[in-house]
Amino acid sequence: MERTSSVMLIHAKDHPVLRDAVAWLVKELRYTIPPRGDARVILSLRRADESLQLRFEGVDEFSVVSGFPESQACDRQVRVRILDVTHLQWACVTVRVESSCGGLSFWARSVQIAAGLTPRRRARRP
């Protein structure tokens, strides 16, 4: 059964896994379906000199538009909104992810930081 997000997400709050998620730029997205287990998404994000990876488990209704993000009107500045949807009380779904310019969305059972905040390496000057 496909879930619709229009009215149901009005009361959703930002997920606490990442403060101000829309301030982070999406650098890489990996969607995998292991031979045994649920689908998973690894999302690499960057902000200023920090980088971070989030791992979403139990991914459902993964949707990405062909050519994303170039096909969207986002000028390669893709950001995501990560919502806590526990108020919906759906079995196995606590997270909703949507890109800032459309073209990417999915539901997930859980999200956690997979790789911590690390400064990007700066080039040494001679």
PDB file of N, CA and C in Angstrom:
ATOM      1  N   MET A   1       0.840  -1.177   0.000  1.00  0.00           N
ATOM      2  CA  MET A   1       0.000   0.000   0.000  1.00  0.00           C
ATOM      3  C   MET A   1       0.888   1.244   0.000  1.00  0.00           C
ATOM      4  N   GLU A   2       0.712   2.096  -0.974  1.00  0.00           N
ATOM      5  CA  GLU A   2       1.509   3.315  -1.047  1.00  0.00           C
ATOM      6  C   GLU A   2       0.998   4.339  -0.053  1.00  0.00           C
ATOM      7  N   ARG A   3       1.925   4.968   0.630  1.00  0.00           N
ATOM      8  CA  ARG A   3       1.578   6.002   1.598  1.00  0.00           C
ATOM      9  C   ARG A   3       1.586   7.340   0.878  1.00  0.00           C
ATOM     10  N   THR A   4       0.701   8.208   1.239  1.00  0.00           N
ATOM     11  CA  THR A   4       0.728   9.550   0.665  1.00  0.00           C
ATOM     12  C   THR A   4       1.206  10.512   1.728  1.00  0.00           C
ATOM     13  N   SER A   5       1.946  11.522   1.308  1.00  0.00           N
ATOM     14  CA  SER A   5       2.574  12.403   2.279  1.00  0.00           C
ATOM     15  C   SER A   5       1.922  13.774   2.406  1.00  0.00           C
ATOM     16  N   SER A   6       0.951  14.090   1.604  1.00  0.00           N
ATOM     17  CA  SER A   6       0.415  15.448   1.582  1.00  0.00           C
ATOM     18  C   SER A   6      -0.110  15.918   2.935  1.00  0.00           C
ATOM     19  N   VAL A   7      -1.196  15.391   3.404  1.00  0.00           N
ATOM     20  CA  VAL A   7      -1.817  15.857   4.634  1.00  0.00           C
ATOM     21  C   VAL A   7      -1.132  15.275   5.862  1.00  0.00           C
ATOM     22  N   MET A   8      -0.648  14.062   5.776  1.00  0.00           N
ATOM     23  CA  MET A   8      -0.095  13.365   6.933  1.00  0.00           C
ATOM     24  C   MET A   8       1.170  14.003   7.484  1.00  0.00           C
ATOM     25  N   LEU A   9       1.893  14.747   6.687  1.00  0.00           N
ATOM     26  CA  LEU A   9       3.165  15.298   7.134  1.00  0.00           C
ATOM     27  C   LEU A   9       3.057  16.705   7.720  1.00  0.00           C
ATOM     28  N   ILE A  10       1.862  17.236   7.767  1.00  0.00           N
ATOM     29  CA  ILE A  10       1.670  18.574   8.326  1.00  0.00           C
ATOM     30  C   ILE A  10       2.175  18.640   9.764  1.00  0.00           C
ATOM     31  N   HIS A  11       1.955  17.584  10.533  1.00  0.00           N
ATOM     32  CA  HIS A  11       2.339  17.573  11.944  1.00  0.00           C
ATOM     33  C   HIS A  11       3.719  16.963  12.187  1.00  0.00           C
ATOM     34  N   ALA A  12       4.415  16.582  11.133  1.00  0.00           N
ATOM     35  CA  ALA A  12       5.743  15.983  11.289  1.00  0.00           C
ATOM     36  C   ALA A  12       6.762  17.052  11.691  1.00  0.00           C
ATOM     37  N   LYS A  13       7.682  16.645  12.552  1.00  0.00           N
ATOM     38  CA  LYS A  13       8.744  17.538  12.994  1.00  0.00           C
ATOM     39  C   LYS A  13      10.065  17.064  12.399  1.00  0.00           C
ATOM     40  N   ASP A  14      11.047  17.960  12.395  1.00  0.00           N
ATOM     41  CA  ASP A  14      12.373  17.551  11.929  1.00  0.00           C
ATOM     42  C   ASP A  14      12.891  16.421  12.804  1.00  0.00           C
ATOM     43  N   HIS A  15      13.525  15.440  12.177  1.00  0.00           N
ATOM     44  CA  HIS A  15      14.057  14.295  12.920  1.00  0.00           C
ATOM     45  C   HIS A  15      15.269  14.741  13.741  1.00  0.00           C
ATOM     46  N   PRO A  16      15.389  14.269  14.967  1.00  0.00           N
ATOM     47  CA  PRO A  16      16.494  14.706  15.821  1.00  0.00           C
ATOM     48  C   PRO A  16      17.874  14.157  15.445  1.00  0.00           C
ATOM     49  N   VAL A  17      17.967  13.260  14.476  1.00  0.00           N
ATOM     50  CA  VAL A  17      19.268  12.687  14.119  1.00  0.00           C
ATOM     51  C   VAL A  17      20.242  13.764  13.626  1.00  0.00           C
ATOM     52  N   LEU A  18      19.707  14.829  13.038  1.00  0.00           N
ATOM     53  CA  LEU A  18      20.562  15.871  12.475  1.00  0.00           C
ATOM     54  C   LEU A  18      19.878  17.214  12.589  1.00  0.00           C
ATOM     55  N   ARG A  19      20.472  18.074  13.388  1.00  0.00           N
ATOM     56  CA  ARG A  19      19.917  19.417  13.533  1.00  0.00           C
ATOM     57  C   ARG A  19      19.997  20.173  12.221  1.00  0.00           C
ATOM     58  N   ASP A  20      18.943  20.821  11.855  1.00  0.00           N
ATOM     59  CA  ASP A  20      18.924  21.664  10.662  1.00  0.00           C
ATOM     60  C   ASP A  20      19.420  20.925   9.424  1.00  0.00           C
ATOM     61  N   ALA A  21      18.803  19.789   9.136  1.00  0.00           N
ATOM     62  CA  ALA A  21      19.228  18.943   8.009  1.00  0.00           C
ATOM     63  C   ALA A  21      19.242  19.694   6.682  1.00  0.00           C
ATOM     64  N   VAL A  22      18.359  20.655   6.501  1.00  0.00           N
ATOM     65  CA  VAL A  22      18.306  21.368   5.218  1.00  0.00           C
ATOM     66  C   VAL A  22      19.506  22.273   4.997  1.00  0.00           C
ATOM     67  N   ALA A  23      20.345  22.452   6.000  1.00  0.00           N
ATOM     68  CA  ALA A  23      21.566  23.245   5.834  1.00  0.00           C
ATOM     69  C   ALA A  23      22.683  22.428   5.195  1.00  0.00           C
ATOM     70  N   TRP A  24      22.489  21.125   5.077  1.00  0.00           N
ATOM     71  CA  TRP A  24      23.512  20.227   4.532  1.00  0.00           C
ATOM     72  C   TRP A  24      23.233  19.941   3.061  1.00  0.00           C
ATOM     73  N   LEU A  25      24.291  19.873   2.251  1.00  0.00           N
ATOM     74  CA  LEU A  25      24.171  19.537   0.833  1.00  0.00           C
ATOM     75  C   LEU A  25      24.370  18.039   0.640  1.00  0.00           C
ATOM     76  N   VAL A  26      23.578  17.455  -0.237  1.00  0.00           N
ATOM     77  CA  VAL A  26      23.725  16.041  -0.565  1.00  0.00           C
ATOM     78  C   VAL A  26      24.901  15.889  -1.522  1.00  0.00           C
ATOM     79  N   LYS A  27      25.869  15.056  -1.145  1.00  0.00           N
ATOM     80  CA  LYS A  27      27.034  14.817  -1.989  1.00  0.00           C
ATOM     81  C   LYS A  27      26.986  13.455  -2.655  1.00  0.00           C
ATOM     82  N   GLU A  28      26.387  12.466  -1.979  1.00  0.00           N
ATOM     83  CA  GLU A  28      26.306  11.121  -2.547  1.00  0.00           C
ATOM     84  C   GLU A  28      25.119  10.400  -1.937  1.00  0.00           C
ATOM     85  N   LEU A  29      24.530   9.543  -2.753  1.00  0.00           N
ATOM     86  CA  LEU A  29      23.389   8.744  -2.329  1.00  0.00           C
ATOM     87  C   LEU A  29      23.614   7.319  -2.810  1.00  0.00           C
ATOM     88  N   ARG A  30      23.543   6.356  -1.902  1.00  0.00           N
ATOM     89  CA  ARG A  30      23.686   4.944  -2.280  1.00  0.00           C
ATOM     90  C   ARG A  30      22.467   4.185  -1.782  1.00  0.00           C
ATOM     91  N   TYR A  31      21.801   3.506  -2.690  1.00  0.00           N
ATOM     92  CA  TYR A  31      20.615   2.693  -2.373  1.00  0.00           C
ATOM     93  C   TYR A  31      20.991   1.240  -2.616  1.00  0.00           C
ATOM     94  N   THR A  32      20.856   0.404  -1.602  1.00  0.00           N
ATOM     95  CA  THR A  32      21.202  -1.005  -1.762  1.00  0.00           C
ATOM     96  C   THR A  32      20.098  -1.894  -1.211  1.00  0.00           C
ATOM     97  N   ILE A  33      19.980  -3.038  -1.842  1.00  0.00           N
ATOM     98  CA  ILE A  33      19.063  -4.076  -1.374  1.00  0.00           C
ATOM     99  C   ILE A  33      19.908  -5.315  -1.136  1.00  0.00           C
ATOM    100  N   PRO A  34      20.236  -5.599   0.131  1.00  0.00           N
ATOM    101  CA  PRO A  34      21.061  -6.776   0.416  1.00  0.00           C
ATOM    102  C   PRO A  34      20.320  -8.064   0.078  1.00  0.00           C
ATOM    103  N   PRO A  35      21.053  -9.161  -0.180  1.00  0.00           N
ATOM    104  CA  PRO A  35      20.399 -10.439  -0.491  1.00  0.00           C
ATOM    105  C   PRO A  35      19.433 -10.873   0.618  1.00  0.00           C
ATOM    106  N   ARG A  36      19.829 -10.603   1.838  1.00  0.00           N
ATOM    107  CA  ARG A  36      18.945 -10.889   2.975  1.00  0.00           C
ATOM    108  C   ARG A  36      18.805  -9.605   3.776  1.00  0.00           C
ATOM    109  N   GLY A  37      17.605  -9.177   3.962  1.00  0.00           N
ATOM    110  CA  GLY A  37      17.404  -7.963   4.745  1.00  0.00           C
ATOM    111  C   GLY A  37      16.667  -6.895   3.976  1.00  0.00           C
ATOM    112  N   ASP A  38      16.526  -5.772   4.641  1.00  0.00           N
ATOM    113  CA  ASP A  38      15.767  -4.648   4.093  1.00  0.00           C
ATOM    114  C   ASP A  38      16.641  -3.727   3.259  1.00  0.00           C
ATOM    115  N   ALA A  39      15.988  -2.954   2.415  1.00  0.00           N
ATOM    116  CA  ALA A  39      16.692  -1.955   1.613  1.00  0.00           C
ATOM    117  C   ALA A  39      17.307  -0.912   2.535  1.00  0.00           C
ATOM    118  N   ARG A  40      18.396  -0.309   2.059  1.00  0.00           N
ATOM    119  CA  ARG A  40      19.145   0.645   2.872  1.00  0.00           C
ATOM    120  C   ARG A  40      19.595   1.801   1.987  1.00  0.00           C
ATOM    121  N   VAL A  41      19.674   2.992   2.578  1.00  0.00           N
ATOM    122  CA  VAL A  41      20.190   4.169   1.893  1.00  0.00           C
ATOM    123  C   VAL A  41      21.306   4.760   2.741  1.00  0.00           C
ATOM    124  N   ILE A  42      22.437   5.051   2.098  1.00  0.00           N
ATOM    125  CA  ILE A  42      23.518   5.793   2.731  1.00  0.00           C
ATOM    126  C   ILE A  42      23.536   7.161   2.053  1.00  0.00           C
ATOM    127  N   LEU A  43      23.400   8.192   2.858  1.00  0.00           N
ATOM    128  CA  LEU A  43      23.337   9.553   2.358  1.00  0.00           C
ATOM    129  C   LEU A  43      24.552  10.309   2.887  1.00  0.00           C
ATOM    130  N   SER A  44      25.401  10.783   1.977  1.00  0.00           N
ATOM    131  CA  SER A  44      26.573  11.575   2.360  1.00  0.00           C
ATOM    132  C   SER A  44      26.222  13.046   2.223  1.00  0.00           C
ATOM    133  N   LEU A  45      26.472  13.791   3.287  1.00  0.00           N
ATOM    134  CA  LEU A  45      26.129  15.209   3.333  1.00  0.00           C
ATOM    135  C   LEU A  45      27.349  16.042   3.659  1.00  0.00           C
ATOM    136  N   ARG A  46      27.321  17.314   3.241  1.00  0.00           N
ATOM    137  CA  ARG A  46      28.419  18.224   3.534  1.00  0.00           C
ATOM    138  C   ARG A  46      27.876  19.611   3.858  1.00  0.00           C
ATOM    139  N   ARG A  47      28.532  20.248   4.823  1.00  0.00           N
ATOM    140  CA  ARG A  47      28.217  21.638   5.191  1.00  0.00           C
ATOM    141  C   ARG A  47      29.517  22.299   5.600  1.00  0.00           C
ATOM    142  N   ALA A  48      29.860  23.384   4.951  1.00  0.00           N
ATOM    143  CA  ALA A  48      31.111  24.101   5.222  1.00  0.00           C
ATOM    144  C   ALA A  48      32.266  23.098   5.209  1.00  0.00           C
ATOM    145  N   ASP A  49      32.968  22.931   6.328  1.00  0.00           N
ATOM    146  CA  ASP A  49      34.104  22.006   6.350  1.00  0.00           C
ATOM    147  C   ASP A  49      33.773  20.718   7.099  1.00  0.00           C
ATOM    148  N   GLU A  50      32.495  20.383   7.209  1.00  0.00           N
ATOM    149  CA  GLU A  50      32.068  19.159   7.885  1.00  0.00           C
ATOM    150  C   GLU A  50      31.442  18.194   6.889  1.00  0.00           C
ATOM    151  N   SER A  51      31.630  16.908   7.143  1.00  0.00           N
ATOM    152  CA  SER A  51      30.957  15.900   6.328  1.00  0.00           C
ATOM    153  C   SER A  51      30.340  14.866   7.254  1.00  0.00           C
ATOM    154  N   LEU A  52      29.368  14.140   6.717  1.00  0.00           N
ATOM    155  CA  LEU A  52      28.582  13.240   7.533  1.00  0.00           C
ATOM    156  C   LEU A  52      27.921  12.208   6.634  1.00  0.00           C
ATOM    157  N   GLN A  53      27.758  10.998   7.152  1.00  0.00           N
ATOM    158  CA  GLN A  53      26.986   9.975   6.448  1.00  0.00           C
ATOM    159  C   GLN A  53      25.851   9.519   7.356  1.00  0.00           C
ATOM    160  N   LEU A  54      24.668   9.439   6.779  1.00  0.00           N
ATOM    161  CA  LEU A  54      23.509   8.911   7.491  1.00  0.00           C
ATOM    162  C   LEU A  54      23.130   7.583   6.863  1.00  0.00           C
ATOM    163  N   ARG A  55      22.768   6.610   7.697  1.00  0.00           N
ATOM    164  CA  ARG A  55      22.332   5.303   7.198  1.00  0.00           C
ATOM    165  C   ARG A  55      20.855   5.132   7.558  1.00  0.00           C
ATOM    166  N   PHE A  56      20.047   4.911   6.533  1.00  0.00           N
ATOM    167  CA  PHE A  56      18.627   4.670   6.693  1.00  0.00           C
ATOM    168  C   PHE A  56      18.372   3.191   6.479  1.00  0.00           C
ATOM    169  N   GLU A  57      17.735   2.547   7.419  1.00  0.00           N
ATOM    170  CA  GLU A  57      17.424   1.115   7.342  1.00  0.00           C
ATOM    171  C   GLU A  57      15.925   0.929   7.122  1.00  0.00           C
ATOM    172  N   GLY A  58      15.568  -0.191   6.515  1.00  0.00           N
ATOM    173  CA  GLY A  58      14.158  -0.490   6.275  1.00  0.00           C
ATOM    174  C   GLY A  58      13.512   0.500   5.330  1.00  0.00           C
ATOM    175  N   VAL A  59      14.221   0.831   4.266  1.00  0.00           N
ATOM    176  CA  VAL A  59      13.736   1.824   3.295  1.00  0.00           C
ATOM    177  C   VAL A  59      12.594   1.241   2.474  1.00  0.00           C
ATOM    178  N   ASP A  60      11.562   2.058   2.317  1.00  0.00           N
ATOM    179  CA  ASP A  60      10.373   1.645   1.583  1.00  0.00           C
ATOM    180  C   ASP A  60       9.938   2.779   0.666  1.00  0.00           C
ATOM    181  N   GLU A  61       9.348   2.427  -0.461  1.00  0.00           N
ATOM    182  CA  GLU A  61       8.853   3.397  -1.445  1.00  0.00           C
ATOM    183  C   GLU A  61       9.939   4.394  -1.852  1.00  0.00           C
ATOM    184  N   PHE A  62      11.131   3.868  -2.086  1.00  0.00           N
ATOM    185  CA  PHE A  62      12.241   4.695  -2.559  1.00  0.00           C
ATOM    186  C   PHE A  62      11.906   5.198  -3.953  1.00  0.00           C
ATOM    187  N   SER A  63      12.023   6.501  -4.142  1.00  0.00           N
ATOM    188  CA  SER A  63      11.696   7.094  -5.430  1.00  0.00           C
ATOM    189  C   SER A  63      12.748   8.137  -5.788  1.00  0.00           C
ATOM    190  N   VAL A  64      13.300   7.995  -6.966  1.00  0.00           N
ATOM    191  CA  VAL A  64      14.240   8.987  -7.477  1.00  0.00           C
ATOM    192  C   VAL A  64      13.945   9.177  -8.962  1.00  0.00           C
ATOM    193  N   VAL A  65      13.876  10.416  -9.384  1.00  0.00           N
ATOM    194  CA  VAL A  65      13.581  10.747 -10.766  1.00  0.00           C
ATOM    195  C   VAL A  65      14.824  10.509 -11.606  1.00  0.00           C
ATOM    196  N   SER A  66      14.641   9.962 -12.780  1.00  0.00           N
ATOM    197  CA  SER A  66      15.759   9.726 -13.693  1.00  0.00           C
ATOM    198  C   SER A  66      16.525  11.022 -13.931  1.00  0.00           C
ATOM    199  N   GLY A  67      17.837  10.952 -13.818  1.00  0.00           N
ATOM    200  CA  GLY A  67      18.670  12.129 -14.033  1.00  0.00           C
ATOM    201  C   GLY A  67      18.819  13.021 -12.818  1.00  0.00           C
ATOM    202  N   PHE A  68      18.263  12.601 -11.692  1.00  0.00           N
ATOM    203  CA  PHE A  68      18.344  13.395 -10.473  1.00  0.00           C
ATOM    204  C   PHE A  68      19.799  13.582 -10.082  1.00  0.00           C
ATOM    205  N   PRO A  69      20.297  14.709  -9.662  1.00  0.00           N
ATOM    206  CA  PRO A  69      19.587  15.952  -9.443  1.00  0.00           C
ATOM    207  C   PRO A  69      19.588  16.892 -10.634  1.00  0.00           C
ATOM    208  N   GLU A  70      20.335  16.565 -11.690  1.00  0.00           N
ATOM    209  CA  GLU A  70      20.421  17.468 -12.830  1.00  0.00           C
ATOM    210  C   GLU A  70      19.066  17.739 -13.468  1.00  0.00           C
ATOM    211  N   SER A  71      18.143  16.770 -13.345  1.00  0.00           N
ATOM    212  CA  SER A  71      16.835  16.928 -13.964  1.00  0.00           C
ATOM    213  C   SER A  71      15.925  17.852 -13.174  1.00  0.00           C
ATOM    214  N   GLN A  72      16.340  18.223 -11.980  1.00  0.00           N
ATOM    215  CA  GLN A  72      15.517  19.062 -11.112  1.00  0.00           C
ATOM    216  C   GLN A  72      16.004  20.510 -11.152  1.00  0.00           C
ATOM    217  N   ALA A  73      15.140  21.408 -10.769  1.00  0.00           N
ATOM    218  CA  ALA A  73      15.488  22.828 -10.753  1.00  0.00           C
ATOM    219  C   ALA A  73      16.155  23.194  -9.431  1.00  0.00           C
ATOM    220  N   CYS A  74      17.262  22.526  -9.128  1.00  0.00           N
ATOM    221  CA  CYS A  74      17.917  22.786  -7.849  1.00  0.00           C
ATOM    222  C   CYS A  74      19.368  23.204  -8.018  1.00  0.00           C
ATOM    223  N   ASP A  75      19.826  23.311  -9.252  1.00  0.00           N
ATOM    224  CA  ASP A  75      21.164  23.814  -9.515  1.00  0.00           C
ATOM    225  C   ASP A  75      22.239  23.087  -8.708  1.00  0.00           C
ATOM    226  N   ARG A  76      22.103  21.756  -8.584  1.00  0.00           N
ATOM    227  CA  ARG A  76      23.084  20.906  -7.890  1.00  0.00           C
ATOM    228  C   ARG A  76      23.212  21.202  -6.399  1.00  0.00           C
ATOM    229  N   GLN A  77      22.357  22.030  -5.857  1.00  0.00           N
ATOM    230  CA  GLN A  77      22.381  22.345  -4.434  1.00  0.00           C
ATOM    231  C   GLN A  77      21.272  21.551  -3.741  1.00  0.00           C
ATOM    232  N   VAL A  78      21.376  20.241  -3.813  1.00  0.00           N
ATOM    233  CA  VAL A  78      20.330  19.379  -3.278  1.00  0.00           C
ATOM    234  C   VAL A  78      20.462  19.275  -1.766  1.00  0.00           C
ATOM    235  N   ARG A  79      19.373  19.509  -1.107  1.00  0.00           N
ATOM    236  CA  ARG A  79      19.284  19.384   0.340  1.00  0.00           C
ATOM    237  C   ARG A  79      18.130  18.454   0.641  1.00  0.00           C
ATOM    238  N   VAL A  80      18.131  17.890   1.837  1.00  0.00           N
ATOM    239  CA  VAL A  80      17.033  16.995   2.197  1.00  0.00           C
ATOM    240  C   VAL A  80      16.350  17.467   3.472  1.00  0.00           C
ATOM    241  N   ARG A  81      15.113  17.100   3.562  1.00  0.00           N
ATOM    242  CA  ARG A  81      14.342  17.307   4.779  1.00  0.00           C
ATOM    243  C   ARG A  81      14.127  15.922   5.368  1.00  0.00           C
ATOM    244  N   ILE A  82      14.530  15.751   6.629  1.00  0.00           N
ATOM    245  CA  ILE A  82      14.396  14.468   7.310  1.00  0.00           C
ATOM    246  C   ILE A  82      13.369  14.662   8.421  1.00  0.00           C
ATOM    247  N   LEU A  83      12.256  13.965   8.286  1.00  0.00           N
ATOM    248  CA  LEU A  83      11.144  14.153   9.210  1.00  0.00           C
ATOM    249  C   LEU A  83      10.933  12.961  10.126  1.00  0.00           C
ATOM    250  N   ASP A  84      10.548  13.248  11.354  1.00  0.00           N
ATOM    251  CA  ASP A  84      10.153  12.227  12.320  1.00  0.00           C
ATOM    252  C   ASP A  84       8.650  12.016  12.130  1.00  0.00           C
ATOM    253  N   VAL A  85       8.271  10.822  11.695  1.00  0.00           N
ATOM    254  CA  VAL A  85       6.853  10.541  11.435  1.00  0.00           C
ATOM    255  C   VAL A  85       6.285   9.489  12.393  1.00  0.00           C
ATOM    256  N   THR A  86       6.861   9.417  13.579  1.00  0.00           N
ATOM    257  CA  THR A  86       6.358   8.445  14.558  1.00  0.00           C
ATOM    258  C   THR A  86       4.917   8.736  14.950  1.00  0.00           C
ATOM    259  N   HIS A  87       4.487   9.997  14.822  1.00  0.00           N
ATOM    260  CA  HIS A  87       3.103  10.346  15.165  1.00  0.00           C
ATOM    261  C   HIS A  87       2.078   9.616  14.291  1.00  0.00           C
ATOM    262  N   LEU A  88       2.511   9.128  13.133  1.00  0.00           N
ATOM    263  CA  LEU A  88       1.605   8.398  12.252  1.00  0.00           C
ATOM    264  C   LEU A  88       1.318   6.991  12.770  1.00  0.00           C
ATOM    265  N   GLN A  89       2.203   6.488  13.634  1.00  0.00           N
ATOM    266  CA  GLN A  89       2.066   5.168  14.242  1.00  0.00           C
ATOM    267  C   GLN A  89       1.929   4.057  13.206  1.00  0.00           C
ATOM    268  N   TRP A  90       2.748   4.136  12.180  1.00  0.00           N
ATOM    269  CA  TRP A  90       2.787   3.086  11.167  1.00  0.00           C
ATOM    270  C   TRP A  90       3.825   2.051  11.573  1.00  0.00           C
ATOM    271  N   ALA A  91       3.498   0.816  11.389  1.00  0.00           N
ATOM    272  CA  ALA A  91       4.440  -0.260  11.695  1.00  0.00           C
ATOM    273  C   ALA A  91       5.663  -0.134  10.796  1.00  0.00           C
ATOM    274  N   CYS A  92       6.817  -0.182  11.379  1.00  0.00           N
ATOM    275  CA  CYS A  92       8.101  -0.187  10.660  1.00  0.00           C
ATOM    276  C   CYS A  92       8.426   1.095   9.901  1.00  0.00           C
ATOM    277  N   VAL A  93       7.794   2.225  10.213  1.00  0.00           N
ATOM    278  CA  VAL A  93       8.121   3.489   9.556  1.00  0.00           C
ATOM    279  C   VAL A  93       8.186   4.591  10.605  1.00  0.00           C
ATOM    280  N   THR A  94       9.361   5.241  10.701  1.00  0.00           N
ATOM    281  CA  THR A  94       9.512   6.360  11.639  1.00  0.00           C
ATOM    282  C   THR A  94      10.125   7.599  10.990  1.00  0.00           C
ATOM    283  N   VAL A  95      10.577   7.459   9.734  1.00  0.00           N
ATOM    284  CA  VAL A  95      11.314   8.542   9.074  1.00  0.00           C
ATOM    285  C   VAL A  95      10.777   8.774   7.665  1.00  0.00           C
ATOM    286  N   ARG A  96      10.706  10.044   7.275  1.00  0.00           N
ATOM    287  CA  ARG A  96      10.374  10.425   5.901  1.00  0.00           C
ATOM    288  C   ARG A  96      11.486  11.340   5.404  1.00  0.00           C
ATOM    289  N   VAL A  97      11.973  11.084   4.186  1.00  0.00           N
ATOM    290  CA  VAL A  97      13.016  11.905   3.581  1.00  0.00           C
ATOM    291  C   VAL A  97      12.492  12.435   2.251  1.00  0.00           C
ATOM    292  N   GLU A  98      12.697  13.740   2.031  1.00  0.00           N
ATOM    293  CA  GLU A  98      12.320  14.378   0.772  1.00  0.00           C
ATOM    294  C   GLU A  98      13.401  15.364   0.393  1.00  0.00           C
ATOM    295  N   SER A  99      13.721  15.448  -0.883  1.00  0.00           N
ATOM    296  CA  SER A  99      14.726  16.421  -1.313  1.00  0.00           C
ATOM    297  C   SER A  99      14.089  17.798  -1.432  1.00  0.00           C
ATOM    298  N   SER A 100      14.934  18.803  -1.340  1.00  0.00           N
ATOM    299  CA  SER A 100      14.468  20.186  -1.349  1.00  0.00           C
ATOM    300  C   SER A 100      13.868  20.595  -2.688  1.00  0.00           C
ATOM    301  N   CYS A 101      14.268  19.935  -3.760  1.00  0.00           N
ATOM    302  CA  CYS A 101      13.789  20.341  -5.085  1.00  0.00           C
ATOM    303  C   CYS A 101      12.993  19.233  -5.774  1.00  0.00           C
ATOM    304  N   GLY A 102      12.529  18.277  -5.006  1.00  0.00           N
ATOM    305  CA  GLY A 102      11.786  17.168  -5.598  1.00  0.00           C
ATOM    306  C   GLY A 102      12.725  16.167  -6.238  1.00  0.00           C
ATOM    307  N   GLY A 103      12.183  15.062  -6.654  1.00  0.00           N
ATOM    308  CA  GLY A 103      12.984  14.070  -7.345  1.00  0.00           C
ATOM    309  C   GLY A 103      13.506  12.948  -6.480  1.00  0.00           C
ATOM    310  N   LEU A 104      13.485  13.100  -5.146  1.00  0.00           N
ATOM    311  CA  LEU A 104      13.947  12.058  -4.246  1.00  0.00           C
ATOM    312  C   LEU A 104      13.038  12.017  -3.028  1.00  0.00           C
ATOM    313  N   SER A 105      12.590  10.805  -2.691  1.00  0.00           N
ATOM    314  CA  SER A 105      11.799  10.639  -1.475  1.00  0.00           C
ATOM    315  C   SER A 105      11.789   9.176  -1.079  1.00  0.00           C
ATOM    316  N   PHE A 106      11.644   8.935   0.225  1.00  0.00           N
ATOM    317  CA  PHE A 106      11.478   7.580   0.725  1.00  0.00           C
ATOM    318  C   PHE A 106      11.052   7.603   2.184  1.00  0.00           C
ATOM    319  N   TRP A 107      10.561   6.473   2.634  1.00  0.00           N
ATOM    320  CA  TRP A 107      10.215   6.231   4.035  1.00  0.00           C
ATOM    321  C   TRP A 107      11.269   5.284   4.586  1.00  0.00           C
ATOM    322  N   ALA A 108      11.492   5.292   5.887  1.00  0.00           N
ATOM    323  CA  ALA A 108      12.464   4.379   6.482  1.00  0.00           C
ATOM    324  C   ALA A 108      12.051   4.000   7.896  1.00  0.00           C
ATOM    325  N   ARG A 109      12.530   2.837   8.300  1.00  0.00           N
ATOM    326  CA  ARG A 109      12.274   2.366   9.657  1.00  0.00           C
ATOM    327  C   ARG A 109      13.127   3.131  10.667  1.00  0.00           C
ATOM    328  N   SER A 110      14.393   3.413  10.285  1.00  0.00           N
ATOM    329  CA  SER A 110      15.294   4.094  11.215  1.00  0.00           C
ATOM    330  C   SER A 110      16.374   4.858  10.462  1.00  0.00           C
ATOM    331  N   VAL A 111      17.027   5.765  11.190  1.00  0.00           N
ATOM    332  CA  VAL A 111      18.161   6.514  10.660  1.00  0.00           C
ATOM    333  C   VAL A 111      19.166   6.690  11.789  1.00  0.00           C
ATOM    334  N   GLN A 112      20.433   6.622  11.409  1.00  0.00           N
ATOM    335  CA  GLN A 112      21.494   6.880  12.382  1.00  0.00           C
ATOM    336  C   GLN A 112      22.712   7.438  11.659  1.00  0.00           C
ATOM    337  N   ILE A 113      23.580   8.078  12.425  1.00  0.00           N
ATOM    338  CA  ILE A 113      24.820   8.597  11.862  1.00  0.00           C
ATOM    339  C   ILE A 113      25.762   7.421  11.643  1.00  0.00           C
ATOM    340  N   ALA A 114      26.178   7.219  10.397  1.00  0.00           N
ATOM    341  CA  ALA A 114      27.050   6.099  10.048  1.00  0.00           C
ATOM    342  C   ALA A 114      28.518   6.492  10.119  1.00  0.00           C
ATOM    343  N   ALA A 115      28.811   7.721   9.795  1.00  0.00           N
ATOM    344  CA  ALA A 115      30.175   8.244   9.883  1.00  0.00           C
ATOM    345  C   ALA A 115      30.065   9.650  10.426  1.00  0.00           C
ATOM    346  N   GLY A 116      30.835   9.926  11.452  1.00  0.00           N
ATOM    347  CA  GLY A 116      30.710  11.176  12.189  1.00  0.00           C
ATOM    348  C   GLY A 116      31.087  12.415  11.434  1.00  0.00           C
ATOM    349  N   LEU A 117      30.914  13.496  12.121  1.00  0.00           N
ATOM    350  CA  LEU A 117      31.266  14.797  11.580  1.00  0.00           C
ATOM    351  C   LEU A 117      32.776  14.897  11.518  1.00  0.00           C
ATOM    352  N   THR A 118      33.282  15.092  10.322  1.00  0.00           N
ATOM    353  CA  THR A 118      34.730  15.210  10.162  1.00  0.00           C
ATOM    354  C   THR A 118      35.048  16.391   9.261  1.00  0.00           C
ATOM    355  N   PRO A 119      36.048  17.184   9.611  1.00  0.00           N
ATOM    356  CA  PRO A 119      36.416  18.303   8.732  1.00  0.00           C
ATOM    357  C   PRO A 119      36.979  17.786   7.414  1.00  0.00           C
ATOM    358  N   ARG A 120      36.643  18.466   6.346  1.00  0.00           N
ATOM    359  CA  ARG A 120      37.231  18.128   5.052  1.00  0.00           C
ATOM    360  C   ARG A 120      38.697  18.504   5.104  1.00  0.00           C
ATOM    361  N   ARG A 121      39.512  17.739   4.399  1.00  0.00           N
ATOM    362  CA  ARG A 121      40.942  18.046   4.360  1.00  0.00           C
ATOM    363  C   ARG A 121      41.183  19.289   3.530  1.00  0.00           C
ATOM    364  N   ARG A 122      41.992  20.146   4.059  1.00  0.00           N
ATOM    365  CA  ARG A 122      42.346  21.364   3.321  1.00  0.00           C
ATOM    366  C   ARG A 122      43.684  21.159   2.651  1.00  0.00           C
ATOM    367  N   ALA A 123      43.792  21.657   1.467  1.00  0.00           N
ATOM    368  CA  ALA A 123      45.052  21.516   0.726  1.00  0.00           C
ATOM    369  C   ALA A 123      46.141  22.330   1.422  1.00  0.00           C
ATOM    370  N   ARG A 124      47.315  21.730   1.513  1.00  0.00           N
ATOM    371  CA  ARG A 124      48.452  22.448   2.097  1.00  0.00           C
ATOM    372  C   ARG A 124      49.027  23.391   1.076  1.00  0.00           C
ATOM    373  N   ARG A 125      49.402  24.556   1.561  1.00  0.00           N
ATOM    374  CA  ARG A 125      50.033  25.532   0.669  1.00  0.00           C
ATOM    375  C   ARG A 125      51.533  25.452   0.853  1.00  0.00           C
ATOM    376  N   PRO A 126      52.249  25.483  -0.263  1.00  0.00           N
ATOM    377  CA  PRO A 126      53.719  25.410  -0.174  1.00  0.00           C
ATOM    378  C   PRO A 126      54.326  26.654   0.415  1.00  0.00           C
TER     379      PRO A 126
END
